[in-house]
Amino acid sequence: MVDRDHGRSGDAWTDLIERTLRGAIDVTEVSVAPRAVGLEDGSATGLSVGGDELQIVVRSRGGGDDGVVMCLSRPGRPFAPDEREIAERIVGALDHMVRDGALGRPEALAPAVVADTLERVLHALDELVAASVLERLTTVARHFSRHLGAAAWWVGQNPVDGVLQRAASDVRGVQGAPAARLAEVLSVPEVTWRDERTAVLLEGGSYVAWAGDSAGMAAEMESWGGVVTLVAAGGYDLDARQWLVVLFGDRTSPDLRHAQAALSAAVQVAMGFPRSPRS
């Protein structure tokens, strides 16, 4: 039995969740009521378990804090732990799907554009034999940002004391609050978001991210000023100093994740060959 007397909207998104869970865990009763969702992490859905009932909070696909709460039950047959786990996985997968649809995937970067950018950067580095490591990395960041359509770039250094510090950055001349916010974020002298990701980067790795990866990632990148994708690479120079280069893409940028290998290669070249002068 389905209770349709409690604000049932007939929304296709809500219907999809209901049909999927009915088929997966043999739900027999469903009630739907409107409510202010208020999911703090920006998710489209949330699942909680109470007794013999599963409660699923569903955010409106139109955005905002409106939505419904779905109560799924099976009188006389409580949901087993594995069924609750199945429901949680389904809700998580559907949540990821709705975020994908709301955000929209950025335009793909053509491989030819990435290859051409890398070749231009390598040629530019050949002419910077007497330049410092910072100047060479800044050249990499500027070329990649300009030719790939990034919204901003940032170069940082990890000195002996272990504090990751800003060495240079720039935001392209785009008007509006997001660009101003991004410029503010990138101008901070010391970076406080060091974690396992930056540790890998500083050891010579690379990293990419998209706002659609998770609700937490979307919230974090939005707080930087509407960032949608990013690509980063780092490592050691010849004096064992650690560096990091990051490119940021906004909603007008193509998918910078496709430049991961090229940026990583360019950063390694800039730090090691031709040999930069020791300071």
C-alpha atoms as a PDB file:
ATOM      1  CA  MET A   1       0.000   0.000   0.000  1.00  0.00           C
ATOM      2  CA  VAL A   2       1.243   3.493  -0.819  1.00  0.00           C
ATOM      3  CA  ASP A   3      -0.044   6.417   1.205  1.00  0.00           C
ATOM      4  CA  ARG A   4      -0.623   9.203  -1.296  1.00  0.00           C
ATOM      5  CA  ASP A   5      -2.464  11.522   1.076  1.00  0.00           C
ATOM      6  CA  HIS A   6       0.611  13.188   2.576  1.00  0.00           C
ATOM      7  CA  GLY A   7       1.850  15.627  -0.003  1.00  0.00           C
ATOM      8  CA  ARG A   8       2.695  13.135  -2.699  1.00  0.00           C
ATOM      9  CA  SER A   9       4.095  15.176  -5.596  1.00  0.00           C
ATOM     10  CA  GLY A  10       4.457  12.527  -8.273  1.00  0.00           C
ATOM     11  CA  ASP A  11       7.995  13.825  -8.876  1.00  0.00           C
ATOM     12  CA  ALA A  12       9.854  11.459 -11.206  1.00  0.00           C
ATOM     13  CA  TRP A  13      12.948  11.562  -8.979  1.00  0.00           C
ATOM     14  CA  THR A  14      10.991  10.478  -5.897  1.00  0.00           C
ATOM     15  CA  ASP A  15       9.202   7.797  -7.920  1.00  0.00           C
ATOM     16  CA  LEU A  16      12.538   6.440  -9.143  1.00  0.00           C
ATOM     17  CA  ILE A  17      13.836   6.046  -5.588  1.00  0.00           C
ATOM     18  CA  GLU A  18      10.621   4.332  -4.527  1.00  0.00           C
ATOM     19  CA  ARG A  19      10.553   1.890  -7.443  1.00  0.00           C
ATOM     20  CA  THR A  20      14.224   1.021  -7.058  1.00  0.00           C
ATOM     21  CA  LEU A  21      13.974   0.243  -3.348  1.00  0.00           C
ATOM     22  CA  ARG A  22      10.718  -1.663  -3.753  1.00  0.00           C
ATOM     23  CA  GLY A  23      12.391  -4.010  -6.200  1.00  0.00           C
ATOM     24  CA  ALA A  24      15.651  -4.328  -4.270  1.00  0.00           C
ATOM     25  CA  ILE A  25      14.469  -4.976  -0.701  1.00  0.00           C
ATOM     26  CA  ASP A  26      10.789  -5.910  -1.112  1.00  0.00           C
ATOM     27  CA  VAL A  27       9.248  -2.809   0.462  1.00  0.00           C
ATOM     28  CA  THR A  28       5.481  -3.159   0.920  1.00  0.00           C
ATOM     29  CA  GLU A  29       4.415   0.201   2.375  1.00  0.00           C
ATOM     30  CA  VAL A  30       5.580   3.698   1.453  1.00  0.00           C
ATOM     31  CA  SER A  31       4.433   7.055   2.760  1.00  0.00           C
ATOM     32  CA  VAL A  32       5.674  10.410   1.484  1.00  0.00           C
ATOM     33  CA  ALA A  33       5.311  13.738   3.276  1.00  0.00           C
ATOM     34  CA  PRO A  34       6.700  17.208   2.494  1.00  0.00           C
ATOM     35  CA  ARG A  35       9.294  18.704   4.801  1.00  0.00           C
ATOM     36  CA  ALA A  36      12.176  21.159   4.959  1.00  0.00           C
ATOM     37  CA  VAL A  37      15.115  18.922   4.188  1.00  0.00           C
ATOM     38  CA  GLY A  38      18.089  20.931   5.357  1.00  0.00           C
ATOM     39  CA  LEU A  39      20.759  18.406   4.401  1.00  0.00           C
ATOM     40  CA  GLU A  40      23.912  20.137   5.612  1.00  0.00           C
ATOM     41  CA  ASP A  41      26.372  18.550   3.176  1.00  0.00           C
ATOM     42  CA  GLY A  42      24.431  19.480   0.043  1.00  0.00           C
ATOM     43  CA  SER A  43      23.431  15.916  -0.756  1.00  0.00           C
ATOM     44  CA  ALA A  44      20.302  15.177  -2.753  1.00  0.00           C
ATOM     45  CA  THR A  45      19.288  12.326  -0.460  1.00  0.00           C
ATOM     46  CA  GLY A  46      19.882  11.003   3.016  1.00  0.00           C
ATOM     47  CA  LEU A  47      19.019   7.695   4.706  1.00  0.00           C
ATOM     48  CA  SER A  48      18.241   6.922   8.337  1.00  0.00           C
ATOM     49  CA  VAL A  49      16.989   3.765  10.032  1.00  0.00           C
ATOM     50  CA  GLY A  50      14.461   3.706  12.841  1.00  0.00           C
ATOM     51  CA  GLY A  51      13.121   0.394  14.109  1.00  0.00           C
ATOM     52  CA  ASP A  52      11.431  -1.471  11.277  1.00  0.00           C
ATOM     53  CA  GLU A  53      11.307   1.601   9.058  1.00  0.00           C
ATOM     54  CA  LEU A  54      13.681   3.213   6.591  1.00  0.00           C
ATOM     55  CA  GLN A  55      13.429   6.983   6.290  1.00  0.00           C
ATOM     56  CA  ILE A  56      14.814   8.625   3.184  1.00  0.00           C
ATOM     57  CA  VAL A  57      15.062  12.384   2.961  1.00  0.00           C
ATOM     58  CA  VAL A  58      14.874  13.535  -0.647  1.00  0.00           C
ATOM     59  CA  ARG A  59      15.883  17.032  -1.692  1.00  0.00           C
ATOM     60  CA  SER A  60      13.870  18.698  -4.421  1.00  0.00           C
ATOM     61  CA  ARG A  61      15.607  18.493  -7.789  1.00  0.00           C
ATOM     62  CA  GLY A  62      14.835  22.170  -8.189  1.00  0.00           C
ATOM     63  CA  GLY A  63      17.305  23.011  -5.417  1.00  0.00           C
ATOM     64  CA  GLY A  64      16.756  24.838  -2.157  1.00  0.00           C
ATOM     65  CA  ASP A  65      15.776  23.245   1.133  1.00  0.00           C
ATOM     66  CA  ASP A  66      12.372  21.913   0.127  1.00  0.00           C
ATOM     67  CA  GLY A  67      11.788  18.208  -0.351  1.00  0.00           C
ATOM     68  CA  VAL A  68      10.030  15.181   1.075  1.00  0.00           C
ATOM     69  CA  VAL A  69      10.653  12.437   3.579  1.00  0.00           C
ATOM     70  CA  MET A  70       9.857   8.890   2.427  1.00  0.00           C
ATOM     71  CA  CYS A  71       9.045   6.245   5.027  1.00  0.00           C
ATOM     72  CA  LEU A  72       9.466   2.681   3.800  1.00  0.00           C
ATOM     73  CA  SER A  73       8.321  -0.261   5.875  1.00  0.00           C
ATOM     74  CA  ARG A  74       7.520  -3.958   5.752  1.00  0.00           C
ATOM     75  CA  PRO A  75       5.205  -4.819   8.647  1.00  0.00           C
ATOM     76  CA  GLY A  76       6.096  -8.057  10.377  1.00  0.00           C
ATOM     77  CA  ARG A  77       9.422  -8.365   8.547  1.00  0.00           C
ATOM     78  CA  PRO A  78      12.089  -5.943   9.845  1.00  0.00           C
ATOM     79  CA  PHE A  79      14.847  -4.998   7.419  1.00  0.00           C
ATOM     80  CA  ALA A  80      17.960  -7.104   7.944  1.00  0.00           C
ATOM     81  CA  PRO A  81      21.372  -5.404   8.195  1.00  0.00           C
ATOM     82  CA  ASP A  82      22.329  -6.463   4.661  1.00  0.00           C
ATOM     83  CA  GLU A  83      19.058  -5.024   3.304  1.00  0.00           C
ATOM     84  CA  ARG A  84      19.714  -1.743   5.065  1.00  0.00           C
ATOM     85  CA  GLU A  85      23.194  -1.717   3.514  1.00  0.00           C
ATOM     86  CA  ILE A  86      21.670  -2.329   0.076  1.00  0.00           C
ATOM     87  CA  ALA A  87      19.264   0.563   0.609  1.00  0.00           C
ATOM     88  CA  GLU A  88      22.107   2.837   1.697  1.00  0.00           C
ATOM     89  CA  ARG A  89      24.166   1.963  -1.380  1.00  0.00           C
ATOM     90  CA  ILE A  90      21.203   2.529  -3.693  1.00  0.00           C
ATOM     91  CA  VAL A  91      20.426   5.904  -2.142  1.00  0.00           C
ATOM     92  CA  GLY A  92      24.088   6.889  -2.443  1.00  0.00           C
ATOM     93  CA  ALA A  93      24.222   5.868  -6.111  1.00  0.00           C
ATOM     94  CA  LEU A  94      21.026   7.754  -6.929  1.00  0.00           C
ATOM     95  CA  ASP A  95      22.345  10.770  -5.035  1.00  0.00           C
ATOM     96  CA  HIS A  96      25.480  10.733  -7.195  1.00  0.00           C
ATOM     97  CA  MET A  97      23.315  10.477 -10.296  1.00  0.00           C
ATOM     98  CA  VAL A  98      21.225  13.530  -9.439  1.00  0.00           C
ATOM     99  CA  ARG A  99      24.347  15.570  -8.682  1.00  0.00           C
ATOM    100  CA  ASP A 100      25.717  14.624 -12.096  1.00  0.00           C
ATOM    101  CA  GLY A 101      22.517  15.763 -13.755  1.00  0.00           C
ATOM    102  CA  ALA A 102      22.340  19.036 -11.828  1.00  0.00           C
ATOM    103  CA  LEU A 103      25.968  19.991 -12.293  1.00  0.00           C
ATOM    104  CA  GLY A 104      26.530  18.837 -15.847  1.00  0.00           C
ATOM    105  CA  ARG A 105      29.849  17.484 -17.006  1.00  0.00           C
ATOM    106  CA  PRO A 106      32.363  20.026 -18.298  1.00  0.00           C
ATOM    107  CA  GLU A 107      33.297  20.017 -21.957  1.00  0.00           C
ATOM    108  CA  ALA A 108      36.047  17.538 -22.789  1.00  0.00           C
ATOM    109  CA  LEU A 109      39.530  18.776 -23.595  1.00  0.00           C
ATOM    110  CA  ALA A 110      40.682  17.701 -27.046  1.00  0.00           C
ATOM    111  CA  PRO A 111      43.864  15.565 -26.853  1.00  0.00           C
ATOM    112  CA  ALA A 112      45.396  17.664 -29.644  1.00  0.00           C
ATOM    113  CA  VAL A 113      44.972  20.823 -27.557  1.00  0.00           C
ATOM    114  CA  VAL A 114      46.625  19.214 -24.537  1.00  0.00           C
ATOM    115  CA  ALA A 115      49.513  17.893 -26.654  1.00  0.00           C
ATOM    116  CA  ASP A 116      50.034  21.265 -28.335  1.00  0.00           C
ATOM    117  CA  THR A 117      50.068  23.002 -24.948  1.00  0.00           C
ATOM    118  CA  LEU A 118      52.656  20.596 -23.580  1.00  0.00           C
ATOM    119  CA  GLU A 119      54.895  21.083 -26.618  1.00  0.00           C
ATOM    120  CA  ARG A 120      54.644  24.876 -26.318  1.00  0.00           C
ATOM    121  CA  VAL A 121      55.574  24.678 -22.637  1.00  0.00           C
ATOM    122  CA  LEU A 122      58.563  22.414 -23.265  1.00  0.00           C
ATOM    123  CA  HIS A 123      59.819  24.814 -25.933  1.00  0.00           C
ATOM    124  CA  ALA A 124      59.422  27.764 -23.551  1.00  0.00           C
ATOM    125  CA  LEU A 125      61.323  25.920 -20.813  1.00  0.00           C
ATOM    126  CA  ASP A 126      64.202  25.250 -23.205  1.00  0.00           C
ATOM    127  CA  GLU A 127      64.731  29.005 -23.351  1.00  0.00           C
ATOM    128  CA  LEU A 128      64.703  29.434 -19.554  1.00  0.00           C
ATOM    129  CA  VAL A 129      67.948  27.720 -18.652  1.00  0.00           C
ATOM    130  CA  ALA A 130      69.032  30.643 -16.442  1.00  0.00           C
ATOM    131  CA  ALA A 131      65.626  31.083 -14.783  1.00  0.00           C
ATOM    132  CA  SER A 132      64.750  30.083 -11.234  1.00  0.00           C
ATOM    133  CA  VAL A 133      62.540  27.110 -10.439  1.00  0.00           C
ATOM    134  CA  LEU A 134      59.703  29.473  -9.521  1.00  0.00           C
ATOM    135  CA  GLU A 135      59.964  31.277 -12.855  1.00  0.00           C
ATOM    136  CA  ARG A 136      59.932  27.972 -14.721  1.00  0.00           C
ATOM    137  CA  LEU A 137      56.918  26.627 -12.808  1.00  0.00           C
ATOM    138  CA  THR A 138      55.114  29.931 -13.271  1.00  0.00           C
ATOM    139  CA  THR A 139      55.731  29.601 -17.014  1.00  0.00           C
ATOM    140  CA  VAL A 140      54.149  26.147 -16.936  1.00  0.00           C
ATOM    141  CA  ALA A 141      51.135  27.397 -14.986  1.00  0.00           C
ATOM    142  CA  ARG A 142      50.580  30.420 -17.228  1.00  0.00           C
ATOM    143  CA  HIS A 143      50.840  28.489 -20.487  1.00  0.00           C
ATOM    144  CA  PHE A 144      48.544  25.699 -19.363  1.00  0.00           C
ATOM    145  CA  SER A 145      46.024  28.125 -17.893  1.00  0.00           C
ATOM    146  CA  ARG A 146      45.902  30.301 -21.003  1.00  0.00           C
ATOM    147  CA  HIS A 147      45.831  27.566 -23.645  1.00  0.00           C
ATOM    148  CA  LEU A 148      43.471  25.219 -21.795  1.00  0.00           C
ATOM    149  CA  GLY A 149      41.013  27.866 -20.589  1.00  0.00           C
ATOM    150  CA  ALA A 150      41.566  27.507 -16.844  1.00  0.00           C
ATOM    151  CA  ALA A 151      40.025  30.092 -14.536  1.00  0.00           C
ATOM    152  CA  ALA A 152      43.121  30.430 -12.361  1.00  0.00           C
ATOM    153  CA  TRP A 153      46.477  28.925 -11.419  1.00  0.00           C
ATOM    154  CA  TRP A 154      48.489  28.680  -8.222  1.00  0.00           C
ATOM    155  CA  VAL A 155      52.096  27.761  -7.445  1.00  0.00           C
ATOM    156  CA  GLY A 156      53.166  26.864  -3.921  1.00  0.00           C
ATOM    157  CA  GLN A 157      56.340  25.801  -2.163  1.00  0.00           C
ATOM    158  CA  ASN A 158      56.909  23.601   0.866  1.00  0.00           C
ATOM    159  CA  PRO A 159      59.910  25.125   2.714  1.00  0.00           C
ATOM    160  CA  VAL A 160      62.049  23.331   5.266  1.00  0.00           C
ATOM    161  CA  ASP A 161      59.653  24.179   8.107  1.00  0.00           C
ATOM    162  CA  GLY A 162      56.888  22.212   6.393  1.00  0.00           C
ATOM    163  CA  VAL A 163      54.397  25.041   5.818  1.00  0.00           C
ATOM    164  CA  LEU A 164      52.957  25.062   2.299  1.00  0.00           C
ATOM    165  CA  GLN A 165      53.232  28.659   1.119  1.00  0.00           C
ATOM    166  CA  ARG A 166      51.906  30.549  -1.881  1.00  0.00           C
ATOM    167  CA  ALA A 167      54.667  31.489  -4.321  1.00  0.00           C
ATOM    168  CA  ALA A 168      52.576  32.910  -7.195  1.00  0.00           C
ATOM    169  CA  SER A 169      49.005  32.848  -8.509  1.00  0.00           C
ATOM    170  CA  ASP A 170      46.688  34.532 -10.962  1.00  0.00           C
ATOM    171  CA  VAL A 171      42.985  34.632 -11.806  1.00  0.00           C
ATOM    172  CA  ARG A 172      41.956  35.482 -15.354  1.00  0.00           C
ATOM    173  CA  GLY A 173      40.111  38.745 -15.909  1.00  0.00           C
ATOM    174  CA  VAL A 174      36.566  37.531 -15.339  1.00  0.00           C
ATOM    175  CA  GLN A 175      34.127  39.804 -13.531  1.00  0.00           C
ATOM    176  CA  GLY A 176      31.820  38.788 -10.729  1.00  0.00           C
ATOM    177  CA  ALA A 177      31.762  37.469  -7.178  1.00  0.00           C
ATOM    178  CA  PRO A 178      33.068  33.930  -7.973  1.00  0.00           C
ATOM    179  CA  ALA A 179      36.244  35.293  -9.590  1.00  0.00           C
ATOM    180  CA  ALA A 180      36.759  37.712  -6.697  1.00  0.00           C
ATOM    181  CA  ARG A 181      36.306  34.889  -4.198  1.00  0.00           C
ATOM    182  CA  LEU A 182      38.746  32.654  -6.071  1.00  0.00           C
ATOM    183  CA  ALA A 183      41.325  35.457  -6.155  1.00  0.00           C
ATOM    184  CA  GLU A 184      40.869  35.901  -2.402  1.00  0.00           C
ATOM    185  CA  VAL A 185      41.351  32.189  -1.729  1.00  0.00           C
ATOM    186  CA  LEU A 186      44.475  31.939  -3.887  1.00  0.00           C
ATOM    187  CA  SER A 187      46.093  35.033  -2.368  1.00  0.00           C
ATOM    188  CA  VAL A 188      46.309  33.532   1.129  1.00  0.00           C
ATOM    189  CA  PRO A 189      50.036  33.358   2.066  1.00  0.00           C
ATOM    190  CA  GLU A 190      49.885  29.953   3.749  1.00  0.00           C
ATOM    191  CA  VAL A 191      47.723  27.027   2.719  1.00  0.00           C
ATOM    192  CA  THR A 192      45.775  25.271   5.442  1.00  0.00           C
ATOM    193  CA  TRP A 193      44.176  22.477   3.379  1.00  0.00           C
ATOM    194  CA  ARG A 194      47.161  20.134   3.531  1.00  0.00           C
ATOM    195  CA  ASP A 195      46.096  16.488   3.711  1.00  0.00           C
ATOM    196  CA  GLU A 196      47.022  13.101   2.278  1.00  0.00           C
ATOM    197  CA  ARG A 197      46.323  14.403  -1.233  1.00  0.00           C
ATOM    198  CA  THR A 198      48.883  17.200  -1.008  1.00  0.00           C
ATOM    199  CA  ALA A 199      51.368  14.855   0.645  1.00  0.00           C
ATOM    200  CA  VAL A 200      51.251  12.622  -2.445  1.00  0.00           C
ATOM    201  CA  LEU A 201      51.514  15.631  -4.738  1.00  0.00           C
ATOM    202  CA  LEU A 202      54.582  17.001  -2.982  1.00  0.00           C
ATOM    203  CA  GLU A 203      56.265  13.623  -3.410  1.00  0.00           C
ATOM    204  CA  GLY A 204      55.936  13.905  -7.186  1.00  0.00           C
ATOM    205  CA  GLY A 205      52.358  12.829  -7.831  1.00  0.00           C
ATOM    206  CA  SER A 206      49.373  14.374  -9.584  1.00  0.00           C
ATOM    207  CA  TYR A 207      45.713  14.786  -8.699  1.00  0.00           C
ATOM    208  CA  VAL A 208      42.421  15.715 -10.356  1.00  0.00           C
ATOM    209  CA  ALA A 209      39.009  16.560  -8.921  1.00  0.00           C
ATOM    210  CA  TRP A 210      35.532  17.377 -10.176  1.00  0.00           C
ATOM    211  CA  ALA A 211      32.722  18.962  -8.163  1.00  0.00           C
ATOM    212  CA  GLY A 212      30.537  15.991  -9.119  1.00  0.00           C
ATOM    213  CA  ASP A 213      32.803  13.542  -7.302  1.00  0.00           C
ATOM    214  CA  SER A 214      30.879  13.939  -4.039  1.00  0.00           C
ATOM    215  CA  ALA A 215      28.662  16.352  -2.149  1.00  0.00           C
ATOM    216  CA  GLY A 216      31.580  17.226   0.115  1.00  0.00           C
ATOM    217  CA  MET A 217      33.835  17.972  -2.833  1.00  0.00           C
ATOM    218  CA  ALA A 218      31.124  20.090  -4.469  1.00  0.00           C
ATOM    219  CA  ALA A 219      30.702  22.173  -1.323  1.00  0.00           C
ATOM    220  CA  GLU A 220      34.463  22.605  -0.896  1.00  0.00           C
ATOM    221  CA  MET A 221      35.060  23.665  -4.499  1.00  0.00           C
ATOM    222  CA  GLU A 222      32.047  25.970  -4.529  1.00  0.00           C
ATOM    223  CA  SER A 223      33.439  27.726  -1.448  1.00  0.00           C
ATOM    224  CA  TRP A 224      36.584  28.531  -3.437  1.00  0.00           C
ATOM    225  CA  GLY A 225      34.583  30.575  -5.921  1.00  0.00           C
ATOM    226  CA  GLY A 226      32.612  28.267  -8.187  1.00  0.00           C
ATOM    227  CA  VAL A 227      35.468  25.894  -9.031  1.00  0.00           C
ATOM    228  CA  VAL A 228      34.263  22.881 -11.052  1.00  0.00           C
ATOM    229  CA  THR A 229      37.430  20.971 -11.958  1.00  0.00           C
ATOM    230  CA  LEU A 230      41.066  21.132 -10.963  1.00  0.00           C
ATOM    231  CA  VAL A 231      44.333  19.426 -11.816  1.00  0.00           C
ATOM    232  CA  ALA A 232      47.495  19.529  -9.731  1.00  0.00           C
ATOM    233  CA  ALA A 233      51.044  18.201  -9.892  1.00  0.00           C
ATOM    234  CA  GLY A 234      54.131  18.587  -7.742  1.00  0.00           C
ATOM    235  CA  GLY A 235      57.440  17.181  -6.610  1.00  0.00           C
ATOM    236  CA  TYR A 236      61.051  18.007  -5.763  1.00  0.00           C
ATOM    237  CA  ASP A 237      63.498  20.339  -7.479  1.00  0.00           C
ATOM    238  CA  LEU A 238      67.264  19.664  -7.619  1.00  0.00           C
ATOM    239  CA  ASP A 239      67.733  21.174  -4.151  1.00  0.00           C
ATOM    240  CA  ALA A 240      65.084  18.855  -2.668  1.00  0.00           C
ATOM    241  CA  ARG A 241      62.564  21.673  -2.266  1.00  0.00           C
ATOM    242  CA  GLN A 242      58.972  20.643  -2.811  1.00  0.00           C
ATOM    243  CA  TRP A 243      56.660  22.508  -5.186  1.00  0.00           C
ATOM    244  CA  LEU A 244      53.016  22.314  -6.197  1.00  0.00           C
ATOM    245  CA  VAL A 245      51.185  23.649  -9.280  1.00  0.00           C
ATOM    246  CA  VAL A 246      47.374  23.756  -9.411  1.00  0.00           C
ATOM    247  CA  LEU A 247      45.031  24.757 -12.252  1.00  0.00           C
ATOM    248  CA  PHE A 248      41.406  25.644 -11.443  1.00  0.00           C
ATOM    249  CA  GLY A 249      38.496  25.441 -13.862  1.00  0.00           C
ATOM    250  CA  ASP A 250      35.142  27.201 -13.459  1.00  0.00           C
ATOM    251  CA  ARG A 251      31.843  26.613 -15.281  1.00  0.00           C
ATOM    252  CA  THR A 252      33.227  28.176 -18.467  1.00  0.00           C
ATOM    253  CA  SER A 253      36.365  26.003 -18.483  1.00  0.00           C
ATOM    254  CA  PRO A 254      36.757  22.631 -20.189  1.00  0.00           C
ATOM    255  CA  ASP A 255      37.466  19.502 -18.158  1.00  0.00           C
ATOM    256  CA  LEU A 256      40.950  20.144 -16.788  1.00  0.00           C
ATOM    257  CA  ARG A 257      41.215  16.564 -15.565  1.00  0.00           C
ATOM    258  CA  HIS A 258      42.170  15.572 -19.095  1.00  0.00           C
ATOM    259  CA  ALA A 259      45.424  17.537 -18.708  1.00  0.00           C
ATOM    260  CA  GLN A 260      46.683  15.517 -15.730  1.00  0.00           C
ATOM    261  CA  ALA A 261      49.478  13.605 -17.478  1.00  0.00           C
ATOM    262  CA  ALA A 262      50.640  16.629 -19.491  1.00  0.00           C
ATOM    263  CA  LEU A 263      50.775  18.955 -16.486  1.00  0.00           C
ATOM    264  CA  SER A 264      52.594  16.361 -14.401  1.00  0.00           C
ATOM    265  CA  ALA A 265      55.221  15.918 -17.132  1.00  0.00           C
ATOM    266  CA  ALA A 266      55.689  19.675 -17.570  1.00  0.00           C
ATOM    267  CA  VAL A 267      56.108  20.247 -13.838  1.00  0.00           C
ATOM    268  CA  GLN A 268      58.764  17.539 -13.588  1.00  0.00           C
ATOM    269  CA  VAL A 269      60.664  19.039 -16.533  1.00  0.00           C
ATOM    270  CA  ALA A 270      60.448  22.529 -15.054  1.00  0.00           C
ATOM    271  CA  MET A 271      61.952  21.352 -11.773  1.00  0.00           C
ATOM    272  CA  GLY A 272      64.732  19.226 -13.176  1.00  0.00           C
ATOM    273  CA  PHE A 273      65.810  19.720 -16.821  1.00  0.00           C
ATOM    274  CA  PRO A 274      67.418  21.751 -18.196  1.00  0.00           C
ATOM    275  CA  ARG A 275      69.212  22.206 -14.892  1.00  0.00           C
ATOM    276  CA  SER A 276      67.997  25.290 -13.037  1.00  0.00           C
ATOM    277  CA  PRO A 277      70.578  27.423 -11.197  1.00  0.00           C
ATOM    278  CA  ARG A 278      70.917  26.758  -7.486  1.00  0.00           C
ATOM    279  CA  SER A 279      70.035  29.674  -5.245  1.00  0.00           C
END
